[in-house]
Amino acid sequence: MDTSTIVLTRKRTNFRWAIVVFLFIVTAINYGDRATLGIAGKSMQTALGFDAAAMGWVMSSFGIAYVIGQLPGGWLLDRFGSKRVYFCSIFFWSIFTLLQGSVYFFTGAWAIIMLFTFRFLMGFAEAPSFPGNSRITAAWFPAKERATAVAIFNSAQYFATVIFAPIMGWLTFEFGWQAVFWFMGLIGILISFVVLLMIRNPKDHPLANSAEVEYIAQGGGLVDMDQQACADDEKAQGPKLNYLAQLLKNRMLLGVYLGQYCINVLTFFFITWFPIYLATERGLNIKEVGFAAAIPAICGFVGGLSGGVCSDFLMRKTHSLSIARKTPIVMGMLFSMTMIFCNYVDSVVWVIAFMSMAFFGKGFGALGWAVMADTAPKEICGLAGGLFNMCGNASSIISPIIIGYIVAISGRFEWALVFVAAHALLAAFSFLFIVGPIKRMELKK
């Protein structure tokens, strides 16, 4: 009797799904912390006398630090393992979130400086979060389930605002804007200690039996990743500098990085400019914008889960990572280009319909983290994920500025929508013609 037959005769635990639910919760808190300034910002400006320019700099501080912190965060994950770095990341970003409430005690320029500093440090502390998610997923899930797992935790970005915005709005109204930061900071601190109980290697976890561990390992899961990362010889050296050069020379990963940058252009358009588009181009008031913007977000959530399930279904049927991952990505990106049709309709209903289709397509094709879990070298999953996230989130700094100039020069959003849709086409092109076969990269020692 072979090993696979033995595994099937034992009752297998399914603790890996509890792990992904925990990642969903952490990711929702992550995006909730990012949204605090959006909810409390207007009251803060009134109380502390910020102008729009100062608030703009404060808002940018997170993105700048988040991008800068990706490579150091990934390196720390590879050197010290997921558990310790994930705990420290959540704990410290929550501390810096909480401290933003203390800006209440400062005035004038010092209030701006302190808020910028705390927001910057929060972004830097959050940098290992998504590479950590990818690393944990690579350890806990076989390839045929990995896209669904990634889709579940990644979908938290769509629901974070729905979950936390009403609570934060009520706190601001009842107790003042500073209560928002104290509330979100305390939640994060509490969750960080749960990491110490939840996040371990599959081989070491008391709630995952040997049958589950063997099932994960046979499916390509890196069940002993942290044991390898923390071996004495590796721990002493950390990832070698030439590893980074190998990542940057690998055609497959360069195509994945380019694709993720383009996909995130769509993400940040919906986060930053889409509400403004509805208000200025389509004449909706603030209340109407809130409801209208929620519909595409829900479609994005549905698309994200559907894309993950579809990818894993294709993996089981074809046993090909390239077909399983590329098909939803390319289909989703092409479908997201329906946003261009908004340029040819006057009805707000049709605008919301086309934008909902586009955001569904974006969610359906947002499998970049699944691809990263499939392809990152096992010795440096954290570093590879950090470089991937750095490239993807560079769009959070670049694309909103470019869209702003397009709108300022043209006075309308038509070419801005074309700009965003062109990135969806480029993402599809990258995965079709640059990435090549999807497989785990092997490092040259």
Protein backbone atom coordinates (compact mmCIF):
# COMPACT_ATOMS: atom_id res chain seq x y z
CA MET A 1 0.00 0.00 0.00
CA ASP A 2 1.51 3.35 -1.02
CA THR A 3 1.62 6.51 1.08
CA SER A 4 -1.34 8.18 -0.66
CA THR A 5 -3.53 5.16 0.16
CA ILE A 6 -2.48 5.31 3.81
CA VAL A 7 -3.34 9.03 3.96
CA LEU A 8 -6.82 8.38 2.54
CA THR A 9 -7.57 5.71 5.16
CA ARG A 10 -7.06 8.11 8.04
CA LYS A 11 -9.43 10.85 9.04
CA ARG A 12 -7.86 14.11 7.99
CA THR A 13 -8.21 17.34 9.95
CA ASN A 14 -8.96 20.56 8.05
CA PHE A 15 -7.31 23.11 10.28
CA ARG A 16 -5.80 24.87 7.26
CA TRP A 17 -9.22 26.45 6.62
CA ALA A 18 -9.23 27.92 10.13
CA ILE A 19 -5.87 29.44 9.25
CA VAL A 20 -7.28 31.17 6.16
CA VAL A 21 -10.27 32.49 8.14
CA PHE A 22 -7.79 33.99 10.59
CA LEU A 23 -5.88 35.58 7.69
CA PHE A 24 -9.21 37.03 6.49
CA ILE A 25 -9.78 38.63 9.92
CA VAL A 26 -6.26 40.05 10.06
CA THR A 27 -6.52 41.42 6.52
CA ALA A 28 -9.88 43.06 7.31
CA ILE A 29 -8.29 44.80 10.32
CA ASN A 30 -5.34 45.76 8.11
CA TYR A 31 -7.61 47.53 5.61
CA GLY A 32 -9.77 48.91 8.43
CA ASP A 33 -6.69 50.62 9.88
CA ARG A 34 -5.92 52.10 6.49
CA ALA A 35 -9.47 53.48 6.29
CA THR A 36 -9.35 55.26 9.68
CA LEU A 37 -8.13 58.52 8.20
CA GLY A 38 -10.87 58.46 5.59
CA ILE A 39 -13.55 58.21 8.29
CA ALA A 40 -12.02 60.52 10.90
CA GLY A 41 -10.18 62.85 8.52
CA LYS A 42 -12.88 65.51 8.12
CA SER A 43 -13.39 65.87 11.88
CA MET A 44 -9.63 65.94 12.40
CA GLN A 45 -9.21 68.73 9.86
CA THR A 46 -11.86 70.78 11.63
CA ALA A 47 -10.44 70.14 15.12
CA LEU A 48 -6.76 70.55 14.29
CA GLY A 49 -6.94 73.08 11.47
CA PHE A 50 -5.43 70.94 8.69
CA ASP A 51 -5.88 72.11 5.13
CA ALA A 52 -6.37 69.73 2.21
CA ALA A 53 -2.72 69.91 1.16
CA ALA A 54 -1.50 68.86 4.60
CA MET A 55 -4.00 66.00 4.69
CA GLY A 56 -2.81 64.91 1.26
CA TRP A 57 0.75 64.57 2.53
CA VAL A 58 -0.45 62.63 5.56
CA MET A 59 -2.42 60.25 3.35
CA SER A 60 0.59 59.66 1.11
CA SER A 61 2.86 58.81 4.04
CA PHE A 62 1.35 55.33 4.45
CA GLY A 63 1.86 54.32 0.80
CA ILE A 64 5.45 55.59 0.71
CA ALA A 65 6.43 53.66 3.85
CA TYR A 66 4.49 50.56 2.78
CA VAL A 67 6.41 50.33 -0.50
CA ILE A 68 9.77 51.05 1.15
CA GLY A 69 9.15 48.36 3.77
CA GLN A 70 8.37 45.48 1.39
CA LEU A 71 11.89 44.13 0.85
CA PRO A 72 13.00 44.48 4.50
CA GLY A 73 9.70 42.90 5.60
CA GLY A 74 10.13 39.97 3.22
CA TRP A 75 13.72 39.46 4.34
CA LEU A 76 12.65 39.39 8.00
CA LEU A 77 10.00 36.77 7.22
CA ASP A 78 12.59 34.52 5.61
CA ARG A 79 15.12 34.96 8.39
CA PHE A 80 12.90 34.74 11.47
CA GLY A 81 9.86 32.85 10.18
CA SER A 82 6.19 33.75 9.74
CA LYS A 83 5.06 33.51 13.37
CA ARG A 84 7.40 36.03 14.97
CA VAL A 85 7.40 38.57 12.14
CA TYR A 86 3.63 38.36 11.62
CA PHE A 87 3.09 38.96 15.36
CA CYS A 88 5.47 41.93 15.43
CA SER A 89 3.93 43.40 12.28
CA ILE A 90 0.37 43.34 13.63
CA PHE A 91 1.39 44.45 17.11
CA PHE A 92 3.42 47.47 15.98
CA TRP A 93 1.07 48.64 13.23
CA SER A 94 -1.70 48.54 15.84
CA ILE A 95 0.41 50.55 18.30
CA PHE A 96 1.03 53.21 15.64
CA THR A 97 -2.67 53.21 14.75
CA LEU A 98 -3.55 53.79 18.40
CA LEU A 99 -0.96 56.56 18.71
CA GLN A 100 -2.60 58.51 15.89
CA GLY A 101 -5.35 59.28 18.39
CA SER A 102 -2.76 61.07 20.57
CA VAL A 103 -2.35 63.75 17.89
CA TYR A 104 -5.30 65.34 19.70
CA PHE A 105 -2.75 66.65 22.25
CA PHE A 106 -0.68 68.52 19.65
CA THR A 107 -1.44 71.69 17.74
CA GLY A 108 -0.42 73.35 14.48
CA ALA A 109 2.60 72.01 12.60
CA TRP A 110 3.43 69.53 15.37
CA ALA A 111 0.07 67.83 14.94
CA ILE A 112 0.74 67.37 11.21
CA ILE A 113 4.30 66.15 11.84
CA MET A 114 3.22 63.62 14.46
CA LEU A 115 0.30 62.33 12.39
CA PHE A 116 2.56 61.98 9.33
CA THR A 117 5.14 60.12 11.45
CA PHE A 118 2.68 57.70 13.04
CA ARG A 119 1.02 57.05 9.67
CA PHE A 120 4.41 56.45 8.06
CA LEU A 121 5.46 54.02 10.81
CA MET A 122 2.11 52.22 10.52
CA GLY A 123 2.72 51.72 6.79
CA PHE A 124 6.22 50.41 7.42
CA ALA A 125 4.98 47.99 10.09
CA GLU A 126 2.23 46.70 7.78
CA ALA A 127 4.72 45.91 5.02
CA PRO A 128 5.23 42.21 5.98
CA SER A 129 1.49 41.53 6.23
CA PHE A 130 0.67 40.42 2.67
CA PRO A 131 4.01 38.67 2.05
CA GLY A 132 3.30 36.93 5.37
CA ASN A 133 -0.16 35.91 4.16
CA SER A 134 1.38 34.48 0.99
CA ARG A 135 4.07 32.66 2.93
CA ILE A 136 1.58 31.14 5.36
CA THR A 137 -0.67 30.08 2.48
CA ALA A 138 2.27 28.42 0.69
CA ALA A 139 2.98 26.43 3.86
CA TRP A 140 -0.60 25.42 4.68
CA PHE A 141 -2.26 24.75 1.32
CA PRO A 142 -1.67 22.32 -1.55
CA ALA A 143 -1.57 23.89 -5.00
CA LYS A 144 -5.08 22.70 -5.89
CA GLU A 145 -6.62 24.67 -2.97
CA ARG A 146 -4.26 27.64 -2.87
CA ALA A 147 -6.18 30.01 -5.15
CA THR A 148 -9.37 29.60 -3.10
CA ALA A 149 -7.44 30.25 0.11
CA VAL A 150 -5.85 33.39 -1.33
CA ALA A 151 -9.21 34.58 -2.69
CA ILE A 152 -10.75 34.25 0.78
CA PHE A 153 -8.20 36.36 2.64
CA ASN A 154 -7.78 38.80 -0.26
CA SER A 155 -11.55 39.41 -0.35
CA ALA A 156 -11.29 41.00 3.10
CA GLN A 157 -10.18 44.22 1.39
CA TYR A 158 -13.68 44.60 -0.07
CA PHE A 159 -15.47 44.00 3.21
CA ALA A 160 -13.23 45.93 5.59
CA THR A 161 -15.04 49.20 4.90
CA VAL A 162 -18.45 47.55 5.15
CA ILE A 163 -17.52 45.98 8.50
CA PHE A 164 -15.67 48.85 10.16
CA ALA A 165 -16.94 52.07 8.55
CA PRO A 166 -20.31 52.10 10.41
CA ILE A 167 -18.54 51.42 13.72
CA MET A 168 -15.92 54.10 13.12
CA GLY A 169 -18.56 56.59 12.02
CA TRP A 170 -20.57 55.97 15.19
CA LEU A 171 -17.45 56.32 17.36
CA THR A 172 -16.57 59.61 15.70
CA PHE A 173 -20.07 60.96 16.26
CA GLU A 174 -20.36 59.80 19.88
CA PHE A 175 -16.82 60.08 21.27
CA GLY A 176 -14.74 62.13 18.82
CA TRP A 177 -12.36 61.22 16.01
CA GLN A 178 -9.57 60.03 18.31
CA ALA A 179 -11.75 57.12 19.50
CA VAL A 180 -11.54 55.61 16.01
CA PHE A 181 -7.77 55.15 16.28
CA TRP A 182 -7.93 53.86 19.85
CA PHE A 183 -10.61 51.32 18.94
CA MET A 184 -8.83 49.95 15.85
CA GLY A 185 -5.46 49.95 17.61
CA LEU A 186 -6.75 47.94 20.57
CA ILE A 187 -8.43 45.37 18.30
CA GLY A 188 -5.17 44.87 16.43
CA ILE A 189 -3.13 44.48 19.63
CA LEU A 190 -5.52 41.78 20.87
CA ILE A 191 -5.42 39.94 17.52
CA SER A 192 -1.63 40.05 17.44
CA PHE A 193 -1.48 37.75 20.49
CA VAL A 194 -3.81 35.27 18.79
CA VAL A 195 -1.08 34.93 16.14
CA LEU A 196 1.11 33.21 18.74
CA LEU A 197 -1.51 30.49 19.08
CA MET A 198 -2.66 30.18 15.45
CA ILE A 199 0.42 30.60 13.27
CA ARG A 200 2.83 27.68 13.31
CA ASN A 201 4.30 25.32 10.78
CA PRO A 202 1.79 22.64 9.80
CA LYS A 203 4.19 19.98 11.12
CA ASP A 204 4.25 21.64 14.53
CA HIS A 205 0.59 22.56 14.96
CA PRO A 206 -1.30 20.47 17.53
CA LEU A 207 -4.63 20.96 15.71
CA ALA A 208 -3.37 19.63 12.35
CA ASN A 209 -2.85 15.85 12.35
CA SER A 210 -0.27 13.95 10.33
CA ALA A 211 -2.84 13.05 7.65
CA GLU A 212 -3.51 16.72 6.95
CA VAL A 213 0.19 17.56 6.92
CA GLU A 214 0.91 14.73 4.46
CA TYR A 215 -2.01 15.84 2.28
CA ILE A 216 -0.63 19.40 2.17
CA ALA A 217 2.92 18.23 1.48
CA GLN A 218 1.89 15.84 -1.30
CA GLY A 219 0.01 18.70 -2.97
CA GLY A 220 3.04 20.99 -3.00
CA GLY A 221 2.62 22.78 0.33
CA LEU A 222 5.87 23.88 2.02
CA VAL A 223 5.01 22.34 5.40
CA ASP A 224 8.51 22.73 6.86
CA MET A 225 9.26 26.20 5.49
CA ASP A 226 10.11 27.84 8.81
CA GLN A 227 12.24 24.94 10.00
CA GLN A 228 14.35 25.46 6.89
CA ALA A 229 14.35 29.24 7.26
CA CYS A 230 15.48 29.08 10.86
CA ALA A 231 18.21 26.45 10.44
CA ASP A 232 21.42 27.62 12.06
CA ASP A 233 23.39 28.11 8.85
CA GLU A 234 20.56 30.00 7.10
CA LYS A 235 19.69 32.05 10.17
CA ALA A 236 23.27 33.20 10.52
CA GLN A 237 23.46 34.43 6.96
CA GLY A 238 19.92 35.36 6.01
CA PRO A 239 18.97 35.37 2.34
CA LYS A 240 21.98 36.10 0.12
CA LEU A 241 22.09 39.35 -1.82
CA ASN A 242 22.39 37.51 -5.14
CA TYR A 243 18.96 35.95 -4.52
CA LEU A 244 17.38 39.35 -5.15
CA ALA A 245 19.31 39.63 -8.42
CA GLN A 246 18.02 36.21 -9.44
CA LEU A 247 14.43 37.30 -8.78
CA LEU A 248 14.91 40.41 -10.90
CA LYS A 249 16.40 38.40 -13.80
CA ASN A 250 13.68 35.75 -13.86
CA ARG A 251 11.35 36.36 -16.80
CA MET A 252 8.43 34.54 -15.20
CA LEU A 253 8.55 36.63 -12.02
CA LEU A 254 9.13 39.88 -13.90
CA GLY A 255 5.94 39.16 -15.84
CA VAL A 256 4.09 38.42 -12.61
CA TYR A 257 5.36 41.66 -11.05
CA LEU A 258 4.30 43.69 -14.08
CA GLY A 259 0.89 42.00 -14.05
CA GLN A 260 0.38 42.80 -10.38
CA TYR A 261 1.31 46.44 -10.91
CA CYS A 262 -1.32 46.69 -13.65
CA ILE A 263 -4.00 44.89 -11.62
CA ASN A 264 -3.39 47.26 -8.71
CA VAL A 265 -3.93 50.26 -10.99
CA LEU A 266 -7.55 49.08 -11.19
CA THR A 267 -7.66 48.60 -7.42
CA PHE A 268 -6.44 52.09 -6.62
CA PHE A 269 -8.68 53.69 -9.22
CA PHE A 270 -11.69 52.29 -7.39
CA ILE A 271 -10.27 53.27 -3.99
CA THR A 272 -9.23 56.83 -4.88
CA TRP A 273 -10.83 58.26 -8.02
CA PHE A 274 -14.01 56.26 -8.55
CA PRO A 275 -16.06 58.11 -5.85
CA ILE A 276 -14.80 61.43 -7.23
CA TYR A 277 -15.77 60.32 -10.74
CA LEU A 278 -19.31 59.59 -9.55
CA ALA A 279 -19.58 62.94 -7.80
CA THR A 280 -18.00 65.22 -10.40
CA GLU A 281 -18.64 63.48 -13.71
CA ARG A 282 -22.01 61.93 -12.88
CA GLY A 283 -23.38 64.49 -10.43
CA LEU A 284 -24.14 62.22 -7.45
CA ASN A 285 -24.24 63.67 -3.95
CA ILE A 286 -22.12 62.27 -1.11
CA LYS A 287 -24.83 59.96 0.20
CA GLU A 288 -25.55 58.59 -3.27
CA VAL A 289 -21.83 58.09 -3.92
CA GLY A 290 -21.53 55.90 -0.81
CA PHE A 291 -24.33 53.58 -1.91
CA ALA A 292 -23.27 53.57 -5.56
CA ALA A 293 -19.64 52.76 -4.77
CA ALA A 294 -20.67 49.83 -2.54
CA ILE A 295 -22.24 47.92 -5.45
CA PRO A 296 -18.99 47.44 -7.42
CA ALA A 297 -17.21 46.52 -4.15
CA ILE A 298 -19.69 43.71 -3.55
CA CYS A 299 -19.23 42.56 -7.14
CA GLY A 300 -15.48 42.60 -6.60
CA PHE A 301 -15.91 40.36 -3.56
CA VAL A 302 -18.04 37.89 -5.52
CA GLY A 303 -15.59 38.00 -8.41
CA GLY A 304 -12.64 37.38 -6.10
CA LEU A 305 -14.16 34.25 -4.57
CA SER A 306 -15.35 33.02 -7.97
CA GLY A 307 -11.89 33.46 -9.50
CA GLY A 308 -10.25 31.46 -6.71
CA VAL A 309 -12.78 28.62 -6.93
CA CYS A 310 -12.52 28.57 -10.74
CA SER A 311 -8.73 28.44 -10.62
CA ASP A 312 -8.66 25.52 -8.19
CA PHE A 313 -11.30 23.70 -10.24
CA LEU A 314 -9.10 24.06 -13.32
CA MET A 315 -6.11 22.88 -11.31
CA ARG A 316 -7.91 19.68 -10.30
CA LYS A 317 -9.09 19.06 -13.87
CA THR A 318 -5.95 19.95 -15.83
CA HIS A 319 -3.14 19.55 -13.25
CA SER A 320 -1.56 22.58 -14.90
CA LEU A 321 -0.68 25.64 -12.84
CA SER A 322 -0.35 27.72 -16.00
CA ILE A 323 -3.89 26.95 -17.21
CA ALA A 324 -5.40 27.15 -13.73
CA ARG A 325 -3.93 30.54 -12.87
CA LYS A 326 -3.67 32.28 -16.24
CA THR A 327 -7.21 31.53 -17.45
CA PRO A 328 -9.06 33.44 -14.67
CA ILE A 329 -6.49 36.24 -14.69
CA VAL A 330 -6.70 36.86 -18.44
CA MET A 331 -10.50 36.47 -18.55
CA GLY A 332 -10.94 38.76 -15.55
CA MET A 333 -8.68 41.47 -16.91
CA LEU A 334 -10.37 41.48 -20.31
CA PHE A 335 -13.80 41.60 -18.65
CA SER A 336 -12.71 44.52 -16.46
CA MET A 337 -12.18 46.60 -19.60
CA THR A 338 -15.98 47.02 -19.77
CA MET A 339 -15.44 50.23 -17.78
CA ILE A 340 -14.67 51.94 -21.11
CA PHE A 341 -18.37 51.63 -22.02
CA CYS A 342 -19.08 54.23 -19.31
CA ASN A 343 -17.75 56.80 -21.78
CA TYR A 344 -20.66 56.08 -24.11
CA VAL A 345 -23.66 56.11 -21.73
CA ASP A 346 -25.42 58.91 -19.85
CA SER A 347 -27.46 56.85 -17.39
CA VAL A 348 -25.96 56.46 -13.91
CA VAL A 349 -27.57 53.01 -13.74
CA TRP A 350 -25.57 51.89 -16.76
CA VAL A 351 -22.42 53.46 -15.33
CA ILE A 352 -22.81 51.46 -12.11
CA ALA A 353 -23.61 48.33 -14.14
CA PHE A 354 -20.47 48.62 -16.27
CA MET A 355 -18.29 49.51 -13.28
CA SER A 356 -19.72 46.54 -11.38
CA MET A 357 -18.80 44.28 -14.31
CA ALA A 358 -15.33 45.78 -14.35
CA PHE A 359 -14.79 45.31 -10.63
CA PHE A 360 -16.14 41.73 -10.83
CA GLY A 361 -13.58 41.07 -13.57
CA LYS A 362 -10.84 42.68 -11.50
CA GLY A 363 -11.73 40.47 -8.53
CA PHE A 364 -11.99 37.36 -10.72
CA GLY A 365 -8.51 37.94 -12.10
CA ALA A 366 -6.82 39.08 -8.88
CA LEU A 367 -4.88 35.84 -8.34
CA GLY A 368 -1.45 37.42 -8.10
CA TRP A 369 -0.85 36.23 -4.54
CA ALA A 370 -1.81 32.67 -5.50
CA VAL A 371 0.73 32.81 -8.34
CA MET A 372 3.32 34.17 -5.94
CA ALA A 373 2.68 31.30 -3.50
CA ASP A 374 3.09 28.91 -6.44
CA THR A 375 6.29 30.39 -7.84
CA ALA A 376 8.36 31.96 -5.04
CA PRO A 377 11.57 30.05 -4.22
CA LYS A 378 10.97 28.12 -0.99
CA GLU A 379 14.11 29.58 0.63
CA ILE A 380 12.99 33.21 0.14
CA CYS A 381 9.18 33.18 -0.09
CA GLY A 382 9.06 36.29 2.09
CA LEU A 383 11.59 38.27 0.05
CA ALA A 384 9.95 37.28 -3.23
CA GLY A 385 6.54 38.25 -1.85
CA GLY A 386 7.93 41.56 -0.61
CA LEU A 387 9.33 42.41 -4.04
CA PHE A 388 6.02 41.38 -5.62
CA ASN A 389 4.03 43.58 -3.23
CA MET A 390 6.43 46.48 -3.67
CA CYS A 391 5.96 46.40 -7.45
CA GLY A 392 2.20 46.07 -7.09
CA ASN A 393 1.83 48.88 -4.59
CA ALA A 394 4.04 51.26 -6.54
CA SER A 395 0.82 51.88 -8.44
CA SER A 396 -0.69 53.35 -5.26
CA ILE A 397 1.77 56.22 -5.58
CA ILE A 398 2.01 56.57 -9.37
CA SER A 399 -1.43 55.88 -10.86
CA PRO A 400 -3.55 58.29 -8.74
CA ILE A 401 -1.17 61.12 -9.66
CA ILE A 402 -1.27 60.31 -13.38
CA ILE A 403 -5.07 60.04 -13.33
CA GLY A 404 -5.18 63.38 -11.55
CA TYR A 405 -3.15 65.04 -14.29
CA ILE A 406 -5.27 63.42 -17.02
CA VAL A 407 -8.45 64.76 -15.43
CA ALA A 408 -6.89 68.18 -14.75
CA ILE A 409 -5.70 68.59 -18.35
CA SER A 410 -8.77 67.17 -20.11
CA GLY A 411 -11.36 68.31 -17.59
CA ARG A 412 -13.11 64.93 -17.85
CA PHE A 413 -12.61 61.25 -17.00
CA GLU A 414 -12.87 59.63 -20.46
CA TRP A 415 -9.14 59.23 -20.98
CA ALA A 416 -8.64 58.29 -17.33
CA LEU A 417 -10.92 55.29 -17.85
CA VAL A 418 -8.98 54.39 -21.00
CA PHE A 419 -5.74 54.65 -19.01
CA VAL A 420 -7.03 52.26 -16.35
CA ALA A 421 -8.52 49.81 -18.88
CA ALA A 422 -5.22 49.80 -20.82
CA HIS A 423 -3.52 48.49 -17.68
CA ALA A 424 -6.01 45.63 -17.54
CA LEU A 425 -5.06 44.75 -21.14
CA LEU A 426 -1.36 45.00 -20.29
CA ALA A 427 -1.85 42.66 -17.31
CA ALA A 428 -3.49 40.07 -19.58
CA PHE A 429 -0.67 40.47 -22.11
CA SER A 430 1.96 40.02 -19.40
CA PHE A 431 0.51 36.74 -18.13
CA LEU A 432 -0.08 35.42 -21.65
CA PHE A 433 3.21 36.34 -23.33
CA ILE A 434 5.81 37.25 -20.68
CA VAL A 435 5.24 34.97 -17.70
CA GLY A 436 5.51 31.67 -19.59
CA PRO A 437 4.97 28.38 -17.70
CA ILE A 438 4.07 28.91 -14.04
CA LYS A 439 6.27 26.84 -11.74
CA ARG A 440 8.28 27.23 -8.56
CA MET A 441 11.53 29.03 -9.21
CA GLU A 442 14.71 27.20 -8.16
CA LEU A 443 17.53 29.32 -6.82
CA LYS A 444 21.15 28.95 -7.89
CA LYS A 445 23.23 28.58 -4.75
